[in-house]
Amino acid sequence: MEFYYVRRFEEDLDFVWERFKEKLEEGGFLLIGERIPVAITEGENGIIADYHLLFICHSELVEELVKIDPNIGALLPCTGFGYRKEDGNYLGVALPSIAWKVAGEKVVELMEPIEEKLKKIIDSL
């Protein structure tokens, strides 16, 4: 079972990344922070460059999650990511319904619609 949703893009990563952030904000998501922690690294699958991380939250959802468990902050926020490889640029999100299973079924149920919304945003780019 994959814990992420990722798509490959032909467009420049910086261009797609900025569109991703705009669409997230239009969709009601809050952008908590952004980092580019790795410039260039080489792994088994080739060179990975310009690794971006975006920390995403949805205020209405947080309110519902806190009602279930006030310690939910340990799992917040959700993460978006992007990177360059030799065969293209990639953009993705961690799937909260998978990553947050440790918090229980009620949390997973709340996260599923948000997860679908995140996938649609990536697909709309």
PDB file of N, CA and C in Angstrom:
ATOM      1  N   MET A   1       0.838  -1.170   0.000  1.00  0.00           N
ATOM      2  CA  MET A   1       0.000   0.000   0.000  1.00  0.00           C
ATOM      3  C   MET A   1       0.894   1.247   0.000  1.00  0.00           C
ATOM      4  N   GLU A   2       0.691   2.118  -0.960  1.00  0.00           N
ATOM      5  CA  GLU A   2       1.498   3.328  -1.049  1.00  0.00           C
ATOM      6  C   GLU A   2       0.974   4.384  -0.097  1.00  0.00           C
ATOM      7  N   PHE A   3       1.876   5.115   0.516  1.00  0.00           N
ATOM      8  CA  PHE A   3       1.520   6.149   1.488  1.00  0.00           C
ATOM      9  C   PHE A   3       1.571   7.544   0.874  1.00  0.00           C
ATOM     10  N   TYR A   4       1.635   7.601  -0.453  1.00  0.00           N
ATOM     11  CA  TYR A   4       1.749   8.877  -1.157  1.00  0.00           C
ATOM     12  C   TYR A   4       0.999   8.807  -2.481  1.00  0.00           C
ATOM     13  N   TYR A   5       0.744   9.995  -3.029  1.00  0.00           N
ATOM     14  CA  TYR A   5       0.182  10.132  -4.368  1.00  0.00           C
ATOM     15  C   TYR A   5       1.128  11.071  -5.105  1.00  0.00           C
ATOM     16  N   VAL A   6       1.641  10.634  -6.244  1.00  0.00           N
ATOM     17  CA  VAL A   6       2.622  11.445  -6.973  1.00  0.00           C
ATOM     18  C   VAL A   6       2.355  11.377  -8.468  1.00  0.00           C
ATOM     19  N   ARG A   7       2.629  12.502  -9.146  1.00  0.00           N
ATOM     20  CA  ARG A   7       2.488  12.583 -10.609  1.00  0.00           C
ATOM     21  C   ARG A   7       3.736  13.200 -11.200  1.00  0.00           C
ATOM     22  N   ARG A   8       4.026  12.804 -12.415  1.00  0.00           N
ATOM     23  CA  ARG A   8       5.164  13.343 -13.169  1.00  0.00           C
ATOM     24  C   ARG A   8       4.666  14.466 -14.064  1.00  0.00           C
ATOM     25  N   PHE A   9       5.461  15.524 -14.184  1.00  0.00           N
ATOM     26  CA  PHE A   9       5.123  16.678 -15.004  1.00  0.00           C
ATOM     27  C   PHE A   9       6.276  17.015 -15.946  1.00  0.00           C
ATOM     28  N   GLU A  10       5.927  17.487 -17.116  1.00  0.00           N
ATOM     29  CA  GLU A  10       6.927  17.953 -18.067  1.00  0.00           C
ATOM     30  C   GLU A  10       7.350  19.386 -17.758  1.00  0.00           C
ATOM     31  N   GLU A  11       6.389  20.181 -17.219  1.00  0.00           N
ATOM     32  CA  GLU A  11       6.667  21.591 -16.929  1.00  0.00           C
ATOM     33  C   GLU A  11       7.759  21.704 -15.864  1.00  0.00           C
ATOM     34  N   ASP A  12       8.387  22.864 -15.836  1.00  0.00           N
ATOM     35  CA  ASP A  12       9.421  23.164 -14.866  1.00  0.00           C
ATOM     36  C   ASP A  12       8.881  22.991 -13.440  1.00  0.00           C
ATOM     37  N   LEU A  13       9.677  22.427 -12.558  1.00  0.00           N
ATOM     38  CA  LEU A  13       9.246  22.176 -11.193  1.00  0.00           C
ATOM     39  C   LEU A  13       8.835  23.454 -10.474  1.00  0.00           C
ATOM     40  N   ASP A  14       9.588  24.510 -10.623  1.00  0.00           N
ATOM     41  CA  ASP A  14       9.247  25.756  -9.944  1.00  0.00           C
ATOM     42  C   ASP A  14       7.883  26.279 -10.405  1.00  0.00           C
ATOM     43  N   PHE A  15       7.596  26.158 -11.679  1.00  0.00           N
ATOM     44  CA  PHE A  15       6.311  26.590 -12.230  1.00  0.00           C
ATOM     45  C   PHE A  15       5.175  25.749 -11.651  1.00  0.00           C
ATOM     46  N   VAL A  16       5.325  24.432 -11.680  1.00  0.00           N
ATOM     47  CA  VAL A  16       4.289  23.528 -11.175  1.00  0.00           C
ATOM     48  C   VAL A  16       4.118  23.720  -9.662  1.00  0.00           C
ATOM     49  N   TRP A  17       5.221  23.918  -8.970  1.00  0.00           N
ATOM     50  CA  TRP A  17       5.194  24.100  -7.518  1.00  0.00           C
ATOM     51  C   TRP A  17       4.376  25.338  -7.138  1.00  0.00           C
ATOM     52  N   GLU A  18       4.578  26.430  -7.849  1.00  0.00           N
ATOM     53  CA  GLU A  18       3.836  27.663  -7.561  1.00  0.00           C
ATOM     54  C   GLU A  18       2.343  27.487  -7.866  1.00  0.00           C
ATOM     55  N   ARG A  19       2.026  26.804  -8.953  1.00  0.00           N
ATOM     56  CA  ARG A  19       0.621  26.522  -9.276  1.00  0.00           C
ATOM     57  C   ARG A  19      -0.017  25.637  -8.211  1.00  0.00           C
ATOM     58  N   PHE A  20       0.736  24.652  -7.733  1.00  0.00           N
ATOM     59  CA  PHE A  20       0.281  23.747  -6.680  1.00  0.00           C
ATOM     60  C   PHE A  20      -0.108  24.555  -5.434  1.00  0.00           C
ATOM     61  N   LYS A  21       0.738  25.456  -5.023  1.00  0.00           N
ATOM     62  CA  LYS A  21       0.463  26.272  -3.841  1.00  0.00           C
ATOM     63  C   LYS A  21      -0.775  27.149  -4.047  1.00  0.00           C
ATOM     64  N   GLU A  22      -0.891  27.739  -5.227  1.00  0.00           N
ATOM     65  CA  GLU A  22      -2.068  28.573  -5.523  1.00  0.00           C
ATOM     66  C   GLU A  22      -3.354  27.755  -5.444  1.00  0.00           C
ATOM     67  N   LYS A  23      -3.343  26.563  -6.057  1.00  0.00           N
ATOM     68  CA  LYS A  23      -4.542  25.712  -6.072  1.00  0.00           C
ATOM     69  C   LYS A  23      -4.897  25.230  -4.666  1.00  0.00           C
ATOM     70  N   LEU A  24      -3.885  24.946  -3.857  1.00  0.00           N
ATOM     71  CA  LEU A  24      -4.151  24.539  -2.482  1.00  0.00           C
ATOM     72  C   LEU A  24      -4.865  25.648  -1.724  1.00  0.00           C
ATOM     73  N   GLU A  25      -4.364  26.863  -1.848  1.00  0.00           N
ATOM     74  CA  GLU A  25      -4.984  27.992  -1.158  1.00  0.00           C
ATOM     75  C   GLU A  25      -6.410  28.230  -1.665  1.00  0.00           C
ATOM     76  N   GLU A  26      -6.606  28.106  -2.978  1.00  0.00           N
ATOM     77  CA  GLU A  26      -7.953  28.238  -3.542  1.00  0.00           C
ATOM     78  C   GLU A  26      -8.885  27.164  -2.993  1.00  0.00           C
ATOM     79  N   GLY A  27      -8.333  25.989  -2.673  1.00  0.00           N
ATOM     80  CA  GLY A  27      -9.119  24.875  -2.146  1.00  0.00           C
ATOM     81  C   GLY A  27      -9.338  24.937  -0.643  1.00  0.00           C
ATOM     82  N   GLY A  28      -8.931  26.022  -0.008  1.00  0.00           N
ATOM     83  CA  GLY A  28      -9.164  26.184   1.425  1.00  0.00           C
ATOM     84  C   GLY A  28      -8.069  25.664   2.327  1.00  0.00           C
ATOM     85  N   PHE A  29      -6.949  25.274   1.744  1.00  0.00           N
ATOM     86  CA  PHE A  29      -5.837  24.781   2.550  1.00  0.00           C
ATOM     87  C   PHE A  29      -4.953  25.938   3.011  1.00  0.00           C
ATOM     88  N   LEU A  30      -4.360  25.773   4.181  1.00  0.00           N
ATOM     89  CA  LEU A  30      -3.405  26.738   4.706  1.00  0.00           C
ATOM     90  C   LEU A  30      -2.004  26.200   4.459  1.00  0.00           C
ATOM     91  N   LEU A  31      -1.109  27.045   3.980  1.00  0.00           N
ATOM     92  CA  LEU A  31       0.276  26.645   3.767  1.00  0.00           C
ATOM     93  C   LEU A  31       1.062  27.072   5.001  1.00  0.00           C
ATOM     94  N   ILE A  32       1.460  26.113   5.790  1.00  0.00           N
ATOM     95  CA  ILE A  32       2.089  26.367   7.076  1.00  0.00           C
ATOM     96  C   ILE A  32       3.571  26.700   6.913  1.00  0.00           C
ATOM     97  N   GLY A  33       4.234  26.061   6.008  1.00  0.00           N
ATOM     98  CA  GLY A  33       5.662  26.289   5.806  1.00  0.00           C
ATOM     99  C   GLY A  33       6.145  25.599   4.553  1.00  0.00           C
ATOM    100  N   GLU A  34       7.330  26.001   4.135  1.00  0.00           N
ATOM    101  CA  GLU A  34       7.910  25.455   2.906  1.00  0.00           C
ATOM    102  C   GLU A  34       9.418  25.355   3.073  1.00  0.00           C
ATOM    103  N   ARG A  35       9.989  24.254   2.600  1.00  0.00           N
ATOM    104  CA  ARG A  35      11.433  24.049   2.677  1.00  0.00           C
ATOM    105  C   ARG A  35      11.932  23.355   1.407  1.00  0.00           C
ATOM    106  N   ILE A  36      13.150  23.671   1.061  1.00  0.00           N
ATOM    107  CA  ILE A  36      13.850  22.958  -0.014  1.00  0.00           C
ATOM    108  C   ILE A  36      15.119  22.414   0.641  1.00  0.00           C
ATOM    109  N   PRO A  37      15.013  21.226   1.281  1.00  0.00           N
ATOM    110  CA  PRO A  37      16.121  20.744   2.096  1.00  0.00           C
ATOM    111  C   PRO A  37      17.274  20.086   1.352  1.00  0.00           C
ATOM    112  N   VAL A  38      17.046  19.622   0.135  1.00  0.00           N
ATOM    113  CA  VAL A  38      18.105  18.907  -0.577  1.00  0.00           C
ATOM    114  C   VAL A  38      18.289  19.535  -1.952  1.00  0.00           C
ATOM    115  N   ALA A  39      19.494  19.977  -2.242  1.00  0.00           N
ATOM    116  CA  ALA A  39      19.770  20.561  -3.557  1.00  0.00           C
ATOM    117  C   ALA A  39      19.932  19.450  -4.595  1.00  0.00           C
ATOM    118  N   ILE A  40      20.917  18.583  -4.415  1.00  0.00           N
ATOM    119  CA  ILE A  40      21.151  17.485  -5.357  1.00  0.00           C
ATOM    120  C   ILE A  40      21.655  16.278  -4.573  1.00  0.00           C
ATOM    121  N   THR A  41      21.086  15.132  -4.863  1.00  0.00           N
ATOM    122  CA  THR A  41      21.555  13.893  -4.264  1.00  0.00           C
ATOM    123  C   THR A  41      21.427  12.778  -5.297  1.00  0.00           C
ATOM    124  N   GLU A  42      22.201  11.731  -5.133  1.00  0.00           N
ATOM    125  CA  GLU A  42      22.112  10.617  -6.067  1.00  0.00           C
ATOM    126  C   GLU A  42      21.731   9.368  -5.304  1.00  0.00           C
ATOM    127  N   GLY A  43      20.698   8.700  -5.784  1.00  0.00           N
ATOM    128  CA  GLY A  43      20.221   7.474  -5.160  1.00  0.00           C
ATOM    129  C   GLY A  43      20.208   6.338  -6.155  1.00  0.00           C
ATOM    130  N   GLU A  44      19.597   5.243  -5.761  1.00  0.00           N
ATOM    131  CA  GLU A  44      19.505   4.070  -6.633  1.00  0.00           C
ATOM    132  C   GLU A  44      18.788   4.380  -7.940  1.00  0.00           C
ATOM    133  N   ASN A  45      17.835   5.314  -7.885  1.00  0.00           N
ATOM    134  CA  ASN A  45      17.035   5.638  -9.062  1.00  0.00           C
ATOM    135  C   ASN A  45      17.550   6.863  -9.809  1.00  0.00           C
ATOM    136  N   GLY A  46      18.802   7.204  -9.633  1.00  0.00           N
ATOM    137  CA  GLY A  46      19.373   8.341 -10.341  1.00  0.00           C
ATOM    138  C   GLY A  46      19.470   9.587  -9.478  1.00  0.00           C
ATOM    139  N   ILE A  47      19.673  10.698 -10.142  1.00  0.00           N
ATOM    140  CA  ILE A  47      19.861  11.963  -9.455  1.00  0.00           C
ATOM    141  C   ILE A  47      18.504  12.579  -9.106  1.00  0.00           C
ATOM    142  N   ILE A  48      18.393  13.052  -7.891  1.00  0.00           N
ATOM    143  CA  ILE A  48      17.208  13.772  -7.427  1.00  0.00           C
ATOM    144  C   ILE A  48      17.684  15.170  -7.068  1.00  0.00           C
ATOM    145  N   ALA A  49      16.996  16.189  -7.579  1.00  0.00           N
ATOM    146  CA  ALA A  49      17.421  17.569  -7.336  1.00  0.00           C
ATOM    147  C   ALA A  49      16.257  18.418  -6.861  1.00  0.00           C
ATOM    148  N   ASP A  50      16.585  19.479  -6.160  1.00  0.00           N
ATOM    149  CA  ASP A  50      15.615  20.492  -5.727  1.00  0.00           C
ATOM    150  C   ASP A  50      14.412  19.876  -5.026  1.00  0.00           C
ATOM    151  N   TYR A  51      14.676  19.132  -3.990  1.00  0.00           N
ATOM    152  CA  TYR A  51      13.598  18.487  -3.246  1.00  0.00           C
ATOM    153  C   TYR A  51      12.862  19.534  -2.429  1.00  0.00           C
ATOM    154  N   HIS A  52      11.573  19.708  -2.705  1.00  0.00           N
ATOM    155  CA  HIS A  52      10.725  20.696  -2.035  1.00  0.00           C
ATOM    156  C   HIS A  52       9.795  19.995  -1.039  1.00  0.00           C
ATOM    157  N   LEU A  53       9.536  20.642   0.073  1.00  0.00           N
ATOM    158  CA  LEU A  53       8.542  20.174   1.039  1.00  0.00           C
ATOM    159  C   LEU A  53       7.596  21.309   1.355  1.00  0.00           C
ATOM    160  N   LEU A  54       6.320  20.981   1.443  1.00  0.00           N
ATOM    161  CA  LEU A  54       5.302  21.967   1.765  1.00  0.00           C
ATOM    162  C   LEU A  54       4.424  21.387   2.870  1.00  0.00           C
ATOM    163  N   PHE A  55       4.226  22.158   3.917  1.00  0.00           N
ATOM    164  CA  PHE A  55       3.419  21.712   5.043  1.00  0.00           C
ATOM    165  C   PHE A  55       2.034  22.336   4.918  1.00  0.00           C
ATOM    166  N   ILE A  56       1.018  21.480   4.839  1.00  0.00           N
ATOM    167  CA  ILE A  56      -0.340  21.864   4.468  1.00  0.00           C
ATOM    168  C   ILE A  56      -1.307  21.522   5.605  1.00  0.00           C
ATOM    169  N   CYS A  57      -2.263  22.398   5.822  1.00  0.00           N
ATOM    170  CA  CYS A  57      -3.280  22.167   6.843  1.00  0.00           C
ATOM    171  C   CYS A  57      -4.618  22.679   6.319  1.00  0.00           C
ATOM    172  N   HIS A  58      -5.699  22.177   6.854  1.00  0.00           N
ATOM    173  CA  HIS A  58      -7.026  22.652   6.504  1.00  0.00           C
ATOM    174  C   HIS A  58      -7.724  22.988   7.822  1.00  0.00           C
ATOM    175  N   SER A  59      -7.953  24.279   8.077  1.00  0.00           N
ATOM    176  CA  SER A  59      -8.414  24.723   9.393  1.00  0.00           C
ATOM    177  C   SER A  59      -9.720  24.061   9.839  1.00  0.00           C
ATOM    178  N   GLU A  60     -10.667  23.901   8.936  1.00  0.00           N
ATOM    179  CA  GLU A  60     -11.935  23.265   9.302  1.00  0.00           C
ATOM    180  C   GLU A  60     -11.724  21.813   9.717  1.00  0.00           C
ATOM    181  N   LEU A  61     -10.840  21.142   9.030  1.00  0.00           N
ATOM    182  CA  LEU A  61     -10.560  19.751   9.358  1.00  0.00           C
ATOM    183  C   LEU A  61      -9.856  19.650  10.708  1.00  0.00           C
ATOM    184  N   VAL A  62      -8.933  20.550  10.979  1.00  0.00           N
ATOM    185  CA  VAL A  62      -8.221  20.515  12.258  1.00  0.00           C
ATOM    186  C   VAL A  62      -9.215  20.619  13.413  1.00  0.00           C
ATOM    187  N   GLU A  63     -10.194  21.474  13.274  1.00  0.00           N
ATOM    188  CA  GLU A  63     -11.210  21.627  14.319  1.00  0.00           C
ATOM    189  C   GLU A  63     -11.917  20.296  14.581  1.00  0.00           C
ATOM    190  N   GLU A  64     -12.263  19.585  13.515  1.00  0.00           N
ATOM    191  CA  GLU A  64     -12.929  18.288  13.666  1.00  0.00           C
ATOM    192  C   GLU A  64     -11.994  17.243  14.265  1.00  0.00           C
ATOM    193  N   LEU A  65     -10.742  17.254  13.846  1.00  0.00           N
ATOM    194  CA  LEU A  65      -9.772  16.286  14.353  1.00  0.00           C
ATOM    195  C   LEU A  65      -9.507  16.484  15.841  1.00  0.00           C
ATOM    196  N   VAL A  66      -9.416  17.737  16.277  1.00  0.00           N
ATOM    197  CA  VAL A  66      -9.154  18.038  17.684  1.00  0.00           C
ATOM    198  C   VAL A  66     -10.300  17.546  18.563  1.00  0.00           C
ATOM    199  N   LYS A  67     -11.516  17.560  18.034  1.00  0.00           N
ATOM    200  CA  LYS A  67     -12.657  17.033  18.789  1.00  0.00           C
ATOM    201  C   LYS A  67     -12.496  15.539  19.056  1.00  0.00           C
ATOM    202  N   ILE A  68     -11.898  14.832  18.115  1.00  0.00           N
ATOM    203  CA  ILE A  68     -11.674  13.392  18.264  1.00  0.00           C
ATOM    204  C   ILE A  68     -10.548  13.127  19.253  1.00  0.00           C
ATOM    205  N   ASP A  69      -9.445  13.883  19.080  1.00  0.00           N
ATOM    206  CA  ASP A  69      -8.287  13.683  19.957  1.00  0.00           C
ATOM    207  C   ASP A  69      -7.477  14.978  19.993  1.00  0.00           C
ATOM    208  N   PRO A  70      -7.375  15.622  21.144  1.00  0.00           N
ATOM    209  CA  PRO A  70      -6.641  16.877  21.221  1.00  0.00           C
ATOM    210  C   PRO A  70      -5.144  16.722  20.955  1.00  0.00           C
ATOM    211  N   ASN A  71      -4.659  15.492  20.963  1.00  0.00           N
ATOM    212  CA  ASN A  71      -3.238  15.248  20.694  1.00  0.00           C
ATOM    213  C   ASN A  71      -2.954  15.045  19.209  1.00  0.00           C
ATOM    214  N   ILE A  72      -3.932  15.321  18.365  1.00  0.00           N
ATOM    215  CA  ILE A  72      -3.799  15.112  16.921  1.00  0.00           C
ATOM    216  C   ILE A  72      -2.684  15.970  16.328  1.00  0.00           C
ATOM    217  N   GLY A  73      -2.320  17.030  17.036  1.00  0.00           N
ATOM    218  CA  GLY A  73      -1.235  17.885  16.560  1.00  0.00           C
ATOM    219  C   GLY A  73       0.055  17.125  16.299  1.00  0.00           C
ATOM    220  N   ALA A  74       0.212  15.963  16.914  1.00  0.00           N
ATOM    221  CA  ALA A  74       1.402  15.142  16.682  1.00  0.00           C
ATOM    222  C   ALA A  74       1.496  14.672  15.232  1.00  0.00           C
ATOM    223  N   LEU A  75       0.370  14.660  14.535  1.00  0.00           N
ATOM    224  CA  LEU A  75       0.352  14.194  13.149  1.00  0.00           C
ATOM    225  C   LEU A  75       0.245  15.330  12.130  1.00  0.00           C
ATOM    226  N   LEU A  76       0.033  16.545  12.599  1.00  0.00           N
ATOM    227  CA  LEU A  76      -0.143  17.682  11.696  1.00  0.00           C
ATOM    228  C   LEU A  76       1.193  18.302  11.356  1.00  0.00           C
ATOM    229  N   PRO A  77       1.345  18.952  10.254  1.00  0.00           N
ATOM    230  CA  PRO A  77       0.409  19.061   9.145  1.00  0.00           C
ATOM    231  C   PRO A  77       0.620  17.940   8.136  1.00  0.00           C
ATOM    232  N   CYS A  78      -0.173  17.978   7.061  1.00  0.00           N
ATOM    233  CA  CYS A  78       0.038  17.065   5.928  1.00  0.00           C
ATOM    234  C   CYS A  78       1.238  17.584   5.134  1.00  0.00           C
ATOM    235  N   THR A  79       1.790  16.744   4.292  1.00  0.00           N
ATOM    236  CA  THR A  79       2.987  17.123   3.555  1.00  0.00           C
ATOM    237  C   THR A  79       2.792  16.992   2.061  1.00  0.00           C
ATOM    238  N   GLY A  80       3.173  18.050   1.340  1.00  0.00           N
ATOM    239  CA  GLY A  80       3.282  18.012  -0.112  1.00  0.00           C
ATOM    240  C   GLY A  80       4.770  17.977  -0.440  1.00  0.00           C
ATOM    241  N   PHE A  81       5.125  17.435  -1.588  1.00  0.00           N
ATOM    242  CA  PHE A  81       6.534  17.367  -1.950  1.00  0.00           C
ATOM    243  C   PHE A  81       6.713  17.447  -3.462  1.00  0.00           C
ATOM    244  N   GLY A  82       7.878  17.871  -3.876  1.00  0.00           N
ATOM    245  CA  GLY A  82       8.204  17.948  -5.291  1.00  0.00           C
ATOM    246  C   GLY A  82       9.695  17.756  -5.476  1.00  0.00           C
ATOM    247  N   TYR A  83      10.076  17.253  -6.641  1.00  0.00           N
ATOM    248  CA  TYR A  83      11.499  17.047  -6.924  1.00  0.00           C
ATOM    249  C   TYR A  83      11.710  16.883  -8.425  1.00  0.00           C
ATOM    250  N   ARG A  84      12.964  17.059  -8.815  1.00  0.00           N
ATOM    251  CA  ARG A  84      13.366  16.853 -10.205  1.00  0.00           C
ATOM    252  C   ARG A  84      14.139  15.537 -10.318  1.00  0.00           C
ATOM    253  N   LYS A  85      13.880  14.830 -11.410  1.00  0.00           N
ATOM    254  CA  LYS A  85      14.682  13.658 -11.772  1.00  0.00           C
ATOM    255  C   LYS A  85      15.012  13.803 -13.250  1.00  0.00           C
ATOM    256  N   GLU A  86      15.871  12.947 -13.714  1.00  0.00           N
ATOM    257  CA  GLU A  86      16.291  13.022 -15.114  1.00  0.00           C
ATOM    258  C   GLU A  86      15.128  12.846 -16.077  1.00  0.00           C
ATOM    259  N   ASP A  87      14.100  12.105 -15.678  1.00  0.00           N
ATOM    260  CA  ASP A  87      12.972  11.845 -16.582  1.00  0.00           C
ATOM    261  C   ASP A  87      11.800  12.804 -16.398  1.00  0.00           C
ATOM    262  N   GLY A  88      11.939  13.819 -15.547  1.00  0.00           N
ATOM    263  CA  GLY A  88      10.857  14.788 -15.376  1.00  0.00           C
ATOM    264  C   GLY A  88      10.800  15.359 -13.981  1.00  0.00           C
ATOM    265  N   ASN A  89       9.744  16.098 -13.732  1.00  0.00           N
ATOM    266  CA  ASN A  89       9.513  16.730 -12.447  1.00  0.00           C
ATOM    267  C   ASN A  89       8.323  16.047 -11.787  1.00  0.00           C
ATOM    268  N   TYR A  90       8.390  15.908 -10.483  1.00  0.00           N
ATOM    269  CA  TYR A  90       7.370  15.167  -9.749  1.00  0.00           C
ATOM    270  C   TYR A  90       6.779  16.026  -8.645  1.00  0.00           C
ATOM    271  N   LEU A  91       5.478  15.820  -8.432  1.00  0.00           N
ATOM    272  CA  LEU A  91       4.761  16.527  -7.392  1.00  0.00           C
ATOM    273  C   LEU A  91       3.854  15.521  -6.708  1.00  0.00           C
ATOM    274  N   GLY A  92       3.801  15.565  -5.380  1.00  0.00           N
ATOM    275  CA  GLY A  92       2.970  14.599  -4.679  1.00  0.00           C
ATOM    276  C   GLY A  92       2.548  15.066  -3.302  1.00  0.00           C
ATOM    277  N   VAL A  93       1.758  14.226  -2.650  1.00  0.00           N
ATOM    278  CA  VAL A  93       1.302  14.465  -1.285  1.00  0.00           C
ATOM    279  C   VAL A  93       1.339  13.149  -0.523  1.00  0.00           C
ATOM    280  N   ALA A  94       1.575  13.260   0.781  1.00  0.00           N
ATOM    281  CA  ALA A  94       1.412  12.096   1.644  1.00  0.00           C
ATOM    282  C   ALA A  94      -0.081  11.833   1.752  1.00  0.00           C
ATOM    283  N   LEU A  95      -0.473  10.590   1.750  1.00  0.00           N
ATOM    284  CA  LEU A  95      -1.890  10.236   1.861  1.00  0.00           C
ATOM    285  C   LEU A  95      -2.255  10.143   3.342  1.00  0.00           C
ATOM    286  N   PRO A  96      -2.984  11.138   3.846  1.00  0.00           N
ATOM    287  CA  PRO A  96      -3.289  11.141   5.275  1.00  0.00           C
ATOM    288  C   PRO A  96      -4.102   9.943   5.745  1.00  0.00           C
ATOM    289  N   SER A  97      -4.929   9.381   4.896  1.00  0.00           N
ATOM    290  CA  SER A  97      -5.731   8.234   5.333  1.00  0.00           C
ATOM    291  C   SER A  97      -4.853   7.009   5.595  1.00  0.00           C
ATOM    292  N   ILE A  98      -3.689   6.976   4.996  1.00  0.00           N
ATOM    293  CA  ILE A  98      -2.747   5.876   5.238  1.00  0.00           C
ATOM    294  C   ILE A  98      -1.819   6.234   6.398  1.00  0.00           C
ATOM    295  N   ALA A  99      -1.202   7.408   6.300  1.00  0.00           N
ATOM    296  CA  ALA A  99      -0.221   7.824   7.298  1.00  0.00           C
ATOM    297  C   ALA A  99      -0.835   8.004   8.679  1.00  0.00           C
ATOM    298  N   TRP A 100      -2.113   8.353   8.731  1.00  0.00           N
ATOM    299  CA  TRP A 100      -2.748   8.665  10.008  1.00  0.00           C
ATOM    300  C   TRP A 100      -3.568   7.505  10.582  1.00  0.00           C
ATOM    301  N   LYS A 101      -3.425   6.328  10.055  1.00  0.00           N
ATOM    302  CA  LYS A 101      -4.189   5.176  10.562  1.00  0.00           C
ATOM    303  C   LYS A 101      -3.954   4.942  12.050  1.00  0.00           C
ATOM    304  N   VAL A 102      -2.791   5.312  12.522  1.00  0.00           N
ATOM    305  CA  VAL A 102      -2.479   5.126  13.941  1.00  0.00           C
ATOM    306  C   VAL A 102      -3.427   5.912  14.836  1.00  0.00           C
ATOM    307  N   ALA A 103      -4.074   6.948  14.303  1.00  0.00           N
ATOM    308  CA  ALA A 103      -4.979   7.789  15.095  1.00  0.00           C
ATOM    309  C   ALA A 103      -6.394   7.224  15.169  1.00  0.00           C
ATOM    310  N   GLY A 104      -6.663   6.172  14.432  1.00  0.00           N
ATOM    311  CA  GLY A 104      -7.976   5.545  14.517  1.00  0.00           C
ATOM    312  C   GLY A 104      -8.858   5.764  13.302  1.00  0.00           C
ATOM    313  N   GLU A 105      -9.900   4.957  13.224  1.00  0.00           N
ATOM    314  CA  GLU A 105     -10.779   4.933  12.055  1.00  0.00           C
ATOM    315  C   GLU A 105     -11.555   6.240  11.858  1.00  0.00           C
ATOM    316  N   LYS A 106     -11.965   6.893  12.956  1.00  0.00           N
ATOM    317  CA  LYS A 106     -12.701   8.151  12.818  1.00  0.00           C
ATOM    318  C   LYS A 106     -11.841   9.205  12.121  1.00  0.00           C
ATOM    319  N   VAL A 107     -10.561   9.238  12.456  1.00  0.00           N
ATOM    320  CA  VAL A 107      -9.634  10.188  11.832  1.00  0.00           C
ATOM    321  C   VAL A 107      -9.466   9.848  10.361  1.00  0.00           C
ATOM    322  N   VAL A 108      -9.296   8.575  10.062  1.00  0.00           N
ATOM    323  CA  VAL A 108      -9.142   8.142   8.665  1.00  0.00           C
ATOM    324  C   VAL A 108     -10.361   8.566   7.855  1.00  0.00           C
ATOM    325  N   GLU A 109     -11.552   8.382   8.398  1.00  0.00           N
ATOM    326  CA  GLU A 109     -12.775   8.768   7.688  1.00  0.00           C
ATOM    327  C   GLU A 109     -12.803  10.266   7.395  1.00  0.00           C
ATOM    328  N   LEU A 110     -12.352  11.074   8.342  1.00  0.00           N
ATOM    329  CA  LEU A 110     -12.307  12.524   8.121  1.00  0.00           C
ATOM    330  C   LEU A 110     -11.269  12.907   7.073  1.00  0.00           C
ATOM    331  N   MET A 111     -10.191  12.154   7.005  1.00  0.00           N
ATOM    332  CA  MET A 111      -9.095  12.492   6.101  1.00  0.00           C
ATOM    333  C   MET A 111      -9.369  12.085   4.658  1.00  0.00           C
ATOM    334  N   GLU A 112     -10.198  11.099   4.423  1.00  0.00           N
ATOM    335  CA  GLU A 112     -10.422  10.604   3.061  1.00  0.00           C
ATOM    336  C   GLU A 112     -10.923  11.677   2.097  1.00  0.00           C
ATOM    337  N   PRO A 113     -11.914  12.512   2.458  1.00  0.00           N
ATOM    338  CA  PRO A 113     -12.336  13.556   1.511  1.00  0.00           C
ATOM    339  C   PRO A 113     -11.234  14.594   1.248  1.00  0.00           C
ATOM    340  N   ILE A 114     -10.452  14.903   2.264  1.00  0.00           N
ATOM    341  CA  ILE A 114      -9.343  15.854   2.093  1.00  0.00           C
ATOM    342  C   ILE A 114      -8.299  15.254   1.162  1.00  0.00           C
ATOM    343  N   GLU A 115      -8.046  13.988   1.334  1.00  0.00           N
ATOM    344  CA  GLU A 115      -7.087  13.284   0.481  1.00  0.00           C
ATOM    345  C   GLU A 115      -7.530  13.343  -0.983  1.00  0.00           C
ATOM    346  N   GLU A 116      -8.810  13.103  -1.231  1.00  0.00           N
ATOM    347  CA  GLU A 116      -9.322  13.170  -2.606  1.00  0.00           C
ATOM    348  C   GLU A 116      -9.187  14.582  -3.166  1.00  0.00           C
ATOM    349  N   LYS A 117      -9.429  15.566  -2.334  1.00  0.00           N
ATOM    350  CA  LYS A 117      -9.282  16.958  -2.748  1.00  0.00           C
ATOM    351  C   LYS A 117      -7.829  17.259  -3.128  1.00  0.00           C
ATOM    352  N   LEU A 118      -6.891  16.757  -2.344  1.00  0.00           N
ATOM    353  CA  LEU A 118      -5.464  16.954  -2.640  1.00  0.00           C
ATOM    354  C   LEU A 118      -5.081  16.287  -3.966  1.00  0.00           C
ATOM    355  N   LYS A 119      -5.566  15.078  -4.193  1.00  0.00           N
ATOM    356  CA  LYS A 119      -5.286  14.384  -5.456  1.00  0.00           C
ATOM    357  C   LYS A 119      -5.843  15.169  -6.642  1.00  0.00           C
ATOM    358  N   LYS A 120      -7.064  15.689  -6.495  1.00  0.00           N
ATOM    359  CA  LYS A 120      -7.679  16.458  -7.588  1.00  0.00           C
ATOM    360  C   LYS A 120      -6.883  17.721  -7.881  1.00  0.00           C
ATOM    361  N   ILE A 121      -6.355  18.339  -6.848  1.00  0.00           N
ATOM    362  CA  ILE A 121      -5.541  19.534  -7.060  1.00  0.00           C
ATOM    363  C   ILE A 121      -4.304  19.186  -7.877  1.00  0.00           C
ATOM    364  N   ILE A 122      -3.629  18.109  -7.517  1.00  0.00           N
ATOM    365  CA  ILE A 122      -2.441  17.701  -8.282  1.00  0.00           C
ATOM    366  C   ILE A 122      -2.841  17.350  -9.706  1.00  0.00           C
ATOM    367  N   ASP A 123      -3.930  16.632  -9.872  1.00  0.00           N
ATOM    368  CA  ASP A 123      -4.369  16.253 -11.211  1.00  0.00           C
ATOM    369  C   ASP A 123      -4.774  17.452 -12.056  1.00  0.00           C
ATOM    370  N   SER A 124      -5.181  18.536 -11.416  1.00  0.00           N
ATOM    371  CA  SER A 124      -5.621  19.735 -12.161  1.00  0.00           C
ATOM    372  C   SER A 124      -4.462  20.577 -12.673  1.00  0.00           C
ATOM    373  N   LEU A 125      -3.271  20.290 -12.217  1.00  0.00           N
ATOM    374  CA  LEU A 125      -2.114  21.070 -12.646  1.00  0.00           C
ATOM    375  C   LEU A 125      -1.749  20.683 -14.030  1.00  0.00           C
TER     376      LEU A 125
END
